[in-house]
Protein backbone atom coordinates (compact mmCIF):
# COMPACT_ATOMS: atom_id res chain seq x y z
CA UNK A 1 -11.62 8.63 18.98
CA UNK A 2 -13.54 6.26 17.03
CA UNK A 3 -11.39 7.31 13.56
CA UNK A 4 -8.08 6.79 15.67
CA UNK A 5 -9.75 3.23 16.35
CA UNK A 6 -10.58 2.78 12.47
CA UNK A 7 -7.28 3.35 11.75
CA UNK A 8 -5.23 1.48 14.28
CA UNK A 9 -7.86 -1.39 13.26
CA UNK A 10 -6.67 -1.15 9.47
CA UNK A 11 -3.29 -0.91 10.52
CA UNK A 12 -3.45 -4.20 12.44
CA UNK A 13 -5.18 -5.56 9.35
CA UNK A 14 -2.30 -5.07 6.98
CA UNK A 15 0.05 -6.11 9.15
CA UNK A 16 -1.53 -9.56 9.89
CA UNK A 17 -2.12 -9.86 6.17
CA UNK A 18 0.88 -9.34 5.49
CA UNK A 19 2.93 -11.01 8.34
CA UNK A 20 0.32 -14.36 8.38
CA UNK A 21 1.35 -15.12 4.52
CA UNK A 22 5.01 -14.85 5.17
CA UNK A 23 7.21 -16.16 7.45
CA UNK A 24 8.75 -12.88 8.57
CA UNK A 25 8.36 -11.56 12.12
CA UNK A 26 5.92 -8.64 12.65
CA UNK A 27 6.51 -5.42 11.15
CA UNK A 28 7.56 -2.60 13.04
CA UNK A 29 5.28 0.45 12.72
CA UNK A 30 7.91 2.30 11.04
CA UNK A 31 8.02 -0.13 8.32
CA UNK A 32 4.49 0.32 7.53
CA UNK A 33 3.94 3.74 8.45
CA UNK A 34 5.12 7.11 7.37
CA UNK A 35 4.49 10.64 7.98
CA UNK A 36 4.57 13.44 5.34
CA UNK A 37 3.25 16.79 4.27
CA UNK A 38 0.27 16.30 6.87
CA UNK A 39 -0.44 12.84 6.10
CA UNK A 40 -0.24 9.40 7.40
CA UNK A 41 0.32 7.05 4.97
CA UNK A 42 0.29 3.14 5.81
CA UNK A 43 1.41 0.35 3.41
CA UNK A 44 0.13 -2.65 2.42
CA UNK A 45 1.22 -5.45 0.49
CA UNK A 46 -0.58 -8.49 -0.08
CA UNK A 47 0.10 -11.83 -2.66
CA UNK A 48 -2.52 -11.98 -5.36
CA UNK A 49 -3.43 -15.76 -4.58
CA UNK A 50 -4.48 -14.54 -1.57
CA UNK A 51 -7.36 -12.13 -2.74
CA UNK A 52 -9.89 -14.53 -4.09
CA UNK A 53 -13.23 -12.37 -3.36
CA UNK A 54 -12.23 -9.83 -5.39
CA UNK A 55 -10.54 -11.42 -8.61
CA UNK A 56 -11.27 -8.98 -11.16
CA UNK A 57 -10.06 -6.16 -9.33
CA UNK A 58 -7.19 -3.68 -11.52
CA UNK A 59 -7.79 -6.40 -14.44
CA UNK A 60 -7.80 -10.29 -14.73
CA UNK A 61 -4.40 -12.13 -13.52
CA UNK A 62 -3.41 -14.58 -10.98
CA UNK A 63 0.05 -14.93 -11.71
CA UNK A 64 2.34 -16.00 -9.40
CA UNK A 65 4.52 -13.55 -7.68
CA UNK A 66 1.60 -10.74 -8.54
CA UNK A 67 1.43 -8.71 -5.33
CA UNK A 68 -1.52 -6.21 -4.51
CA UNK A 69 0.01 -2.94 -3.38
CA UNK A 70 -1.95 -0.39 -1.25
CA UNK A 71 -1.88 2.41 0.87
CA UNK A 72 -4.29 4.41 2.87
CA UNK A 73 -3.64 7.85 3.83
CA UNK A 74 -5.35 9.96 6.71
CA UNK A 75 -4.77 13.32 7.68
CA UNK A 76 -2.52 13.71 10.46
CA UNK A 77 -4.32 16.49 12.37
CA UNK A 78 -7.80 15.32 12.01
CA UNK A 79 -7.35 11.94 11.65
CA UNK A 80 -9.75 11.57 8.89
CA UNK A 81 -9.35 9.18 5.91
CA UNK A 82 -8.24 11.05 2.60
CA UNK A 83 -10.42 10.10 -0.36
CA UNK A 84 -9.62 12.37 -3.13
CA UNK A 85 -6.04 11.42 -3.65
CA UNK A 86 -4.14 10.97 -6.99
CA UNK A 87 -1.80 8.09 -6.09
CA UNK A 88 0.88 6.70 -8.33
CA UNK A 89 3.23 3.98 -7.11
CA UNK A 90 6.83 2.11 -8.52
CA UNK A 91 7.88 -0.98 -7.18
CA UNK A 92 11.70 -1.85 -7.58
CA UNK A 93 14.04 -4.31 -6.74
CA UNK A 94 17.16 -2.44 -5.10
CA UNK A 95 19.43 -1.30 -7.58
CA UNK A 96 16.72 -1.80 -10.29
CA UNK A 97 14.10 0.64 -11.66
CA UNK A 98 10.35 -0.99 -11.40
CA UNK A 99 7.45 -0.05 -13.13
CA UNK A 100 5.08 3.07 -12.27
CA UNK A 101 1.47 2.53 -12.01
CA UNK A 102 -1.56 4.92 -10.74
CA UNK A 103 -3.25 3.33 -8.07
CA UNK A 104 -6.94 2.72 -8.25
CA UNK A 105 -9.40 4.16 -5.38
CA UNK A 106 -11.07 1.54 -3.53
CA UNK A 107 -14.07 1.66 -1.50
CA UNK A 108 -14.66 -1.65 0.41
CA UNK A 109 -16.88 -1.07 2.86
CA UNK A 110 -16.74 2.63 3.22
CA UNK A 111 -12.76 2.06 3.89
CA UNK A 112 -10.60 4.03 1.23
CA UNK A 113 -7.67 2.71 -0.30
CA UNK A 114 -5.82 3.02 -3.09
CA UNK A 115 -4.08 -0.04 -4.92
CA UNK A 116 -2.74 -2.22 -7.98
CA UNK A 117 -0.65 -5.28 -8.95
CA UNK A 118 2.64 -5.44 -9.02
CA UNK A 119 5.28 -8.25 -10.15
CA UNK A 120 7.42 -9.12 -7.61
CA UNK A 121 9.38 -11.85 -9.19
CA UNK A 122 12.70 -12.29 -6.84
CA UNK A 123 12.38 -12.93 -3.31
CA UNK A 124 14.38 -9.80 -1.68
CA UNK A 125 14.47 -6.46 -0.75
CA UNK A 126 12.00 -3.81 -2.77
CA UNK A 127 11.68 0.02 -2.70
CA UNK A 128 8.14 1.12 -2.74
CA UNK A 129 7.38 4.71 -3.97
CA UNK A 130 4.42 6.29 -3.68
CA UNK A 131 3.72 9.89 -5.49
CA UNK A 132 0.69 11.60 -3.73
CA UNK A 133 -1.44 14.28 -4.88
CA UNK A 134 -3.58 14.87 -1.73
CA UNK A 135 -6.38 16.63 -4.43
CA UNK A 136 -6.39 16.54 -8.01
CA UNK A 137 -5.69 20.23 -7.95
CA UNK A 138 -2.53 19.95 -6.41
CA UNK A 139 0.36 20.61 -8.13
CA UNK A 140 3.37 19.34 -6.28
CA UNK A 141 3.70 15.37 -5.21
CA UNK A 142 4.28 13.87 -1.67
CA UNK A 143 6.94 11.47 -2.54
CA UNK A 144 7.35 8.52 0.52
CA UNK A 145 9.77 5.77 0.10
CA UNK A 146 9.25 2.08 1.83
CA UNK A 147 11.26 -0.83 2.09
CA UNK A 148 9.65 -4.32 1.63
CA UNK A 149 11.09 -7.61 2.17
CA UNK A 150 9.58 -10.19 -0.38
CA UNK A 151 9.96 -13.63 1.06
CA UNK A 152 11.78 -16.43 -0.53
CA UNK A 153 9.39 -19.29 -2.00
């Protein structure tokens, strides 16, 4: 029960962070959550200008239109947080191919997630792909795709 509440609270935190800073309406659960290969996968996208507490996270940069893309992973059956995954992400404006980066493990107050910064210079629809290995020993990757609309300036 506590784990479910923690997951729900984390999900609301992601929605609030990405909705408060944009004029968009509250995103539906399906836009920020997917289930694949026994994992619940939650997406968060936060403009870097709102991350002032950790300016050196993933390297120094305060460029405009840089976004912190993060993902939280949970076991779909037990609800336990997945803390030893290997995650790569690609963020691309629809119709283009963007860079792929390894997401770094972040443990903030015993809340594990994975993240890195990506440029989203143009307003519009972006495809965010995650390639997840639940453990370092796992050979096959889980591929999940989300759509994210970056609002205008």
